[in-house]
Amino acid sequence: MKGIGCAALLAALLLGGNAQAQATATPAYDAELAKSLGGNDNGMRRYVFVVLRSGPNKVPAGPERSEMFAGHMANIQRLANERKLAYAGPLDGVDGARGIFIFAVESIDEAKALVATDPVIIKGEMVAEYHTHFGSAGLMMVNQVHGKISKPAAK
């Protein structure tokens, strides 16, 4: 897919079907959708990109660690439901990099306040590194789409 821009590729992935054909077609501008996602006239918006790294306090295996990570996942879900967290996921651990958050907020200070609510940060298991990022407002649809492509947990 050489030559396809990130926004076009993201649109193709979100819409499904033949990515090459959809990415090369010129989609109709949807002002309401752009506005609902916080996008400017170019479909872009500000985010804060957070890298979670290993912190000074490794919580040992056991109930406290299990509870901390259950709280971490619940916090991620809460922030996603509030549309403050556009994306989160684990990293490979290289150089202590353990995960990322991409927040749909205007400032690093806002992101710091949200990250401070996470049990892995509170307990010192992880520390956060912050960067501003300007990217496609389409990223705001990832959580909605993800809900449609992940099977519910078996009960």
C-alpha atoms as a PDB file:
ATOM      1  CA  MET A   1       0.000   0.000   0.000  1.00  0.00           C
ATOM      2  CA  LYS A   2       2.834   2.324  -0.742  1.00  0.00           C
ATOM      3  CA  GLY A   3       1.720   5.918  -1.138  1.00  0.00           C
ATOM      4  CA  ILE A   4      -1.398   5.677   1.031  1.00  0.00           C
ATOM      5  CA  GLY A   5      -1.502   8.341   3.747  1.00  0.00           C
ATOM      6  CA  CYS A   6      -2.062   7.436   7.399  1.00  0.00           C
ATOM      7  CA  ALA A   7      -5.526   9.001   7.489  1.00  0.00           C
ATOM      8  CA  ALA A   8      -6.622   7.101   4.381  1.00  0.00           C
ATOM      9  CA  LEU A   9      -5.229   3.851   5.728  1.00  0.00           C
ATOM     10  CA  LEU A  10      -6.958   4.389   9.081  1.00  0.00           C
ATOM     11  CA  ALA A  11     -10.228   5.095   7.252  1.00  0.00           C
ATOM     12  CA  ALA A  12      -9.825   1.921   5.223  1.00  0.00           C
ATOM     13  CA  LEU A  13      -9.183  -0.120   8.355  1.00  0.00           C
ATOM     14  CA  LEU A  14     -12.146   1.407  10.171  1.00  0.00           C
ATOM     15  CA  LEU A  15     -14.504   0.936   7.233  1.00  0.00           C
ATOM     16  CA  GLY A  16     -13.352  -2.588   6.342  1.00  0.00           C
ATOM     17  CA  GLY A  17     -13.396  -4.177   2.905  1.00  0.00           C
ATOM     18  CA  ASN A  18     -10.749  -3.645   0.248  1.00  0.00           C
ATOM     19  CA  ALA A  19      -8.311  -1.227   1.889  1.00  0.00           C
ATOM     20  CA  GLN A  20      -6.511  -0.337  -1.346  1.00  0.00           C
ATOM     21  CA  ALA A  21      -9.712   0.578  -3.190  1.00  0.00           C
ATOM     22  CA  GLN A  22     -11.177   2.493  -0.237  1.00  0.00           C
ATOM     23  CA  ALA A  23      -7.930   4.326   0.484  1.00  0.00           C
ATOM     24  CA  THR A  24      -7.669   5.584  -3.087  1.00  0.00           C
ATOM     25  CA  ALA A  25     -11.326   6.702  -3.254  1.00  0.00           C
ATOM     26  CA  THR A  26     -11.912  10.276  -2.115  1.00  0.00           C
ATOM     27  CA  PRO A  27     -14.332  10.086   0.818  1.00  0.00           C
ATOM     28  CA  ALA A  28     -16.939  12.810   1.233  1.00  0.00           C
ATOM     29  CA  TYR A  29     -16.005  15.303   3.951  1.00  0.00           C
ATOM     30  CA  ASP A  30     -18.256  14.802   6.978  1.00  0.00           C
ATOM     31  CA  ALA A  31     -18.132  18.041   9.001  1.00  0.00           C
ATOM     32  CA  GLU A  32     -20.338  16.647  11.780  1.00  0.00           C
ATOM     33  CA  LEU A  33     -18.138  13.571  12.212  1.00  0.00           C
ATOM     34  CA  ALA A  34     -14.988  15.694  12.214  1.00  0.00           C
ATOM     35  CA  LYS A  35     -16.481  17.970  14.855  1.00  0.00           C
ATOM     36  CA  SER A  36     -17.661  15.034  16.999  1.00  0.00           C
ATOM     37  CA  LEU A  37     -14.121  13.626  16.978  1.00  0.00           C
ATOM     38  CA  GLY A  38     -12.503  16.971  17.780  1.00  0.00           C
ATOM     39  CA  GLY A  39     -10.935  17.273  14.335  1.00  0.00           C
ATOM     40  CA  ASN A  40      -9.907  20.467  12.599  1.00  0.00           C
ATOM     41  CA  ASP A  41     -10.544  21.144   8.873  1.00  0.00           C
ATOM     42  CA  ASN A  42      -7.761  18.678   8.034  1.00  0.00           C
ATOM     43  CA  GLY A  43      -9.211  15.962  10.283  1.00  0.00           C
ATOM     44  CA  MET A  44      -6.411  16.369  12.825  1.00  0.00           C
ATOM     45  CA  ARG A  45      -6.444  16.977  16.576  1.00  0.00           C
ATOM     46  CA  ARG A  46      -4.110  17.299  19.565  1.00  0.00           C
ATOM     47  CA  TYR A  47      -3.307  14.303  21.764  1.00  0.00           C
ATOM     48  CA  VAL A  48      -0.880  13.572  24.570  1.00  0.00           C
ATOM     49  CA  PHE A  49       1.149  10.410  23.988  1.00  0.00           C
ATOM     50  CA  VAL A  50       2.291   8.693  27.194  1.00  0.00           C
ATOM     51  CA  VAL A  51       4.927   5.975  27.448  1.00  0.00           C
ATOM     52  CA  LEU A  52       4.663   3.861  30.588  1.00  0.00           C
ATOM     53  CA  ARG A  53       8.029   2.572  31.796  1.00  0.00           C
ATOM     54  CA  SER A  54       9.082   0.285  34.631  1.00  0.00           C
ATOM     55  CA  GLY A  55       9.037   2.207  37.883  1.00  0.00           C
ATOM     56  CA  PRO A  56      11.053   1.984  41.085  1.00  0.00           C
ATOM     57  CA  ASN A  57       8.627  -0.344  42.918  1.00  0.00           C
ATOM     58  CA  LYS A  58       8.031  -3.765  41.343  1.00  0.00           C
ATOM     59  CA  VAL A  59       4.996  -5.146  43.124  1.00  0.00           C
ATOM     60  CA  PRO A  60       5.637  -8.875  43.748  1.00  0.00           C
ATOM     61  CA  ALA A  61       3.374 -11.576  42.344  1.00  0.00           C
ATOM     62  CA  GLY A  62       0.342 -12.187  44.507  1.00  0.00           C
ATOM     63  CA  PRO A  63      -3.004 -10.652  45.423  1.00  0.00           C
ATOM     64  CA  GLU A  64      -1.685  -7.057  45.632  1.00  0.00           C
ATOM     65  CA  ARG A  65      -0.231  -7.254  42.104  1.00  0.00           C
ATOM     66  CA  SER A  66      -3.384  -8.889  40.718  1.00  0.00           C
ATOM     67  CA  GLU A  67      -5.541  -6.197  42.336  1.00  0.00           C
ATOM     68  CA  MET A  68      -3.240  -3.433  41.032  1.00  0.00           C
ATOM     69  CA  PHE A  69      -3.487  -4.680  37.425  1.00  0.00           C
ATOM     70  CA  ALA A  70      -7.256  -5.239  37.688  1.00  0.00           C
ATOM     71  CA  GLY A  71      -7.506  -1.614  38.812  1.00  0.00           C
ATOM     72  CA  HIS A  72      -5.204  -0.566  35.948  1.00  0.00           C
ATOM     73  CA  MET A  73      -7.504  -2.226  33.405  1.00  0.00           C
ATOM     74  CA  ALA A  74     -10.634  -0.771  35.042  1.00  0.00           C
ATOM     75  CA  ASN A  75      -9.046   2.695  34.969  1.00  0.00           C
ATOM     76  CA  ILE A  76      -8.218   2.296  31.272  1.00  0.00           C
ATOM     77  CA  GLN A  77     -11.829   1.302  30.549  1.00  0.00           C
ATOM     78  CA  ARG A  78     -13.198   4.226  32.587  1.00  0.00           C
ATOM     79  CA  LEU A  79     -11.017   6.759  30.758  1.00  0.00           C
ATOM     80  CA  ALA A  80     -11.925   5.232  27.380  1.00  0.00           C
ATOM     81  CA  ASN A  81     -15.636   5.392  28.267  1.00  0.00           C
ATOM     82  CA  GLU A  82     -15.183   9.066  29.163  1.00  0.00           C
ATOM     83  CA  ARG A  83     -13.569   9.581  25.707  1.00  0.00           C
ATOM     84  CA  LYS A  84     -10.427  10.933  27.344  1.00  0.00           C
ATOM     85  CA  LEU A  85      -8.321   7.899  26.409  1.00  0.00           C
ATOM     86  CA  ALA A  86      -8.233   7.276  22.668  1.00  0.00           C
ATOM     87  CA  TYR A  87      -5.895   4.285  22.780  1.00  0.00           C
ATOM     88  CA  ALA A  88      -3.945   2.143  25.233  1.00  0.00           C
ATOM     89  CA  GLY A  89      -1.852  -0.964  24.874  1.00  0.00           C
ATOM     90  CA  PRO A  90       1.195  -2.860  26.069  1.00  0.00           C
ATOM     91  CA  LEU A  91       4.704  -2.519  24.678  1.00  0.00           C
ATOM     92  CA  ASP A  92       7.498  -5.079  24.398  1.00  0.00           C
ATOM     93  CA  GLY A  93       9.394  -4.111  27.553  1.00  0.00           C
ATOM     94  CA  VAL A  94      12.543  -3.073  25.658  1.00  0.00           C
ATOM     95  CA  ASP A  95      14.399  -0.451  27.687  1.00  0.00           C
ATOM     96  CA  GLY A  96      11.666  -0.615  30.333  1.00  0.00           C
ATOM     97  CA  ALA A  97       8.892   0.512  27.935  1.00  0.00           C
ATOM     98  CA  ARG A  98       5.764  -1.326  29.106  1.00  0.00           C
ATOM     99  CA  GLY A  99       2.771   0.458  27.612  1.00  0.00           C
ATOM    100  CA  ILE A 100       1.274   3.495  25.945  1.00  0.00           C
ATOM    101  CA  PHE A 101      -1.673   5.763  26.474  1.00  0.00           C
ATOM    102  CA  ILE A 102      -2.889   8.259  23.899  1.00  0.00           C
ATOM    103  CA  PHE A 103      -5.061  10.867  25.587  1.00  0.00           C
ATOM    104  CA  ALA A 104      -7.494  13.150  23.757  1.00  0.00           C
ATOM    105  CA  VAL A 105      -6.621  16.177  25.873  1.00  0.00           C
ATOM    106  CA  GLU A 106      -5.117  19.570  25.146  1.00  0.00           C
ATOM    107  CA  SER A 107      -2.197  19.559  27.574  1.00  0.00           C
ATOM    108  CA  ILE A 108       0.380  17.423  29.291  1.00  0.00           C
ATOM    109  CA  ASP A 109      -0.934  18.702  32.642  1.00  0.00           C
ATOM    110  CA  GLU A 110      -4.382  17.259  31.835  1.00  0.00           C
ATOM    111  CA  ALA A 111      -2.806  13.921  30.901  1.00  0.00           C
ATOM    112  CA  LYS A 112      -0.733  13.901  34.096  1.00  0.00           C
ATOM    113  CA  ALA A 113      -3.891  14.325  36.177  1.00  0.00           C
ATOM    114  CA  LEU A 114      -5.502  11.357  34.402  1.00  0.00           C
ATOM    115  CA  VAL A 115      -2.414   9.136  34.644  1.00  0.00           C
ATOM    116  CA  ALA A 116      -2.187   9.901  38.370  1.00  0.00           C
ATOM    117  CA  THR A 117      -5.458   7.955  38.844  1.00  0.00           C
ATOM    118  CA  ASP A 118      -3.888   4.689  37.637  1.00  0.00           C
ATOM    119  CA  PRO A 119      -2.940   2.083  40.273  1.00  0.00           C
ATOM    120  CA  VAL A 120       0.301   1.118  38.477  1.00  0.00           C
ATOM    121  CA  ILE A 121       1.434   4.741  38.786  1.00  0.00           C
ATOM    122  CA  ILE A 122       0.155   5.143  42.351  1.00  0.00           C
ATOM    123  CA  LYS A 123       2.067   2.024  43.473  1.00  0.00           C
ATOM    124  CA  GLY A 124       5.245   2.951  41.557  1.00  0.00           C
ATOM    125  CA  GLU A 125       5.156  -0.146  39.335  1.00  0.00           C
ATOM    126  CA  MET A 126       5.329   2.212  36.352  1.00  0.00           C
ATOM    127  CA  VAL A 127       6.293   5.807  35.652  1.00  0.00           C
ATOM    128  CA  ALA A 128       5.052   7.954  32.793  1.00  0.00           C
ATOM    129  CA  GLU A 129       6.802   9.956  30.072  1.00  0.00           C
ATOM    130  CA  TYR A 130       4.706  12.571  28.216  1.00  0.00           C
ATOM    131  CA  HIS A 131       4.768  13.921  24.663  1.00  0.00           C
ATOM    132  CA  THR A 132       2.340  16.127  22.728  1.00  0.00           C
ATOM    133  CA  HIS A 133       1.154  14.640  19.453  1.00  0.00           C
ATOM    134  CA  PHE A 134      -0.936  15.955  16.571  1.00  0.00           C
ATOM    135  CA  GLY A 135      -2.656  13.190  14.626  1.00  0.00           C
ATOM    136  CA  SER A 136      -5.801  11.987  12.910  1.00  0.00           C
ATOM    137  CA  ALA A 137      -9.017  12.626  14.821  1.00  0.00           C
ATOM    138  CA  GLY A 138     -10.095   9.241  13.416  1.00  0.00           C
ATOM    139  CA  LEU A 139      -8.131   7.657  16.250  1.00  0.00           C
ATOM    140  CA  MET A 140     -11.070   8.597  18.463  1.00  0.00           C
ATOM    141  CA  MET A 141     -13.084   5.820  16.775  1.00  0.00           C
ATOM    142  CA  VAL A 142     -10.725   3.015  17.760  1.00  0.00           C
ATOM    143  CA  ASN A 143     -12.477   2.153  21.034  1.00  0.00           C
ATOM    144  CA  GLN A 144     -15.885   2.074  19.325  1.00  0.00           C
ATOM    145  CA  VAL A 145     -14.598  -0.182  16.555  1.00  0.00           C
ATOM    146  CA  HIS A 146     -12.653  -2.386  18.961  1.00  0.00           C
ATOM    147  CA  GLY A 147     -15.872  -3.140  20.850  1.00  0.00           C
ATOM    148  CA  LYS A 148     -17.359  -4.475  17.630  1.00  0.00           C
ATOM    149  CA  ILE A 149     -14.439  -6.759  16.797  1.00  0.00           C
ATOM    150  CA  SER A 150     -13.673  -8.321  20.201  1.00  0.00           C
ATOM    151  CA  LYS A 151     -15.691 -11.265  21.466  1.00  0.00           C
ATOM    152  CA  PRO A 152     -17.280 -10.888  24.897  1.00  0.00           C
ATOM    153  CA  ALA A 153     -15.526 -12.863  27.647  1.00  0.00           C
ATOM    154  CA  ALA A 154     -16.998 -16.276  28.335  1.00  0.00           C
ATOM    155  CA  LYS A 155     -18.919 -16.471  31.605  1.00  0.00           C
END
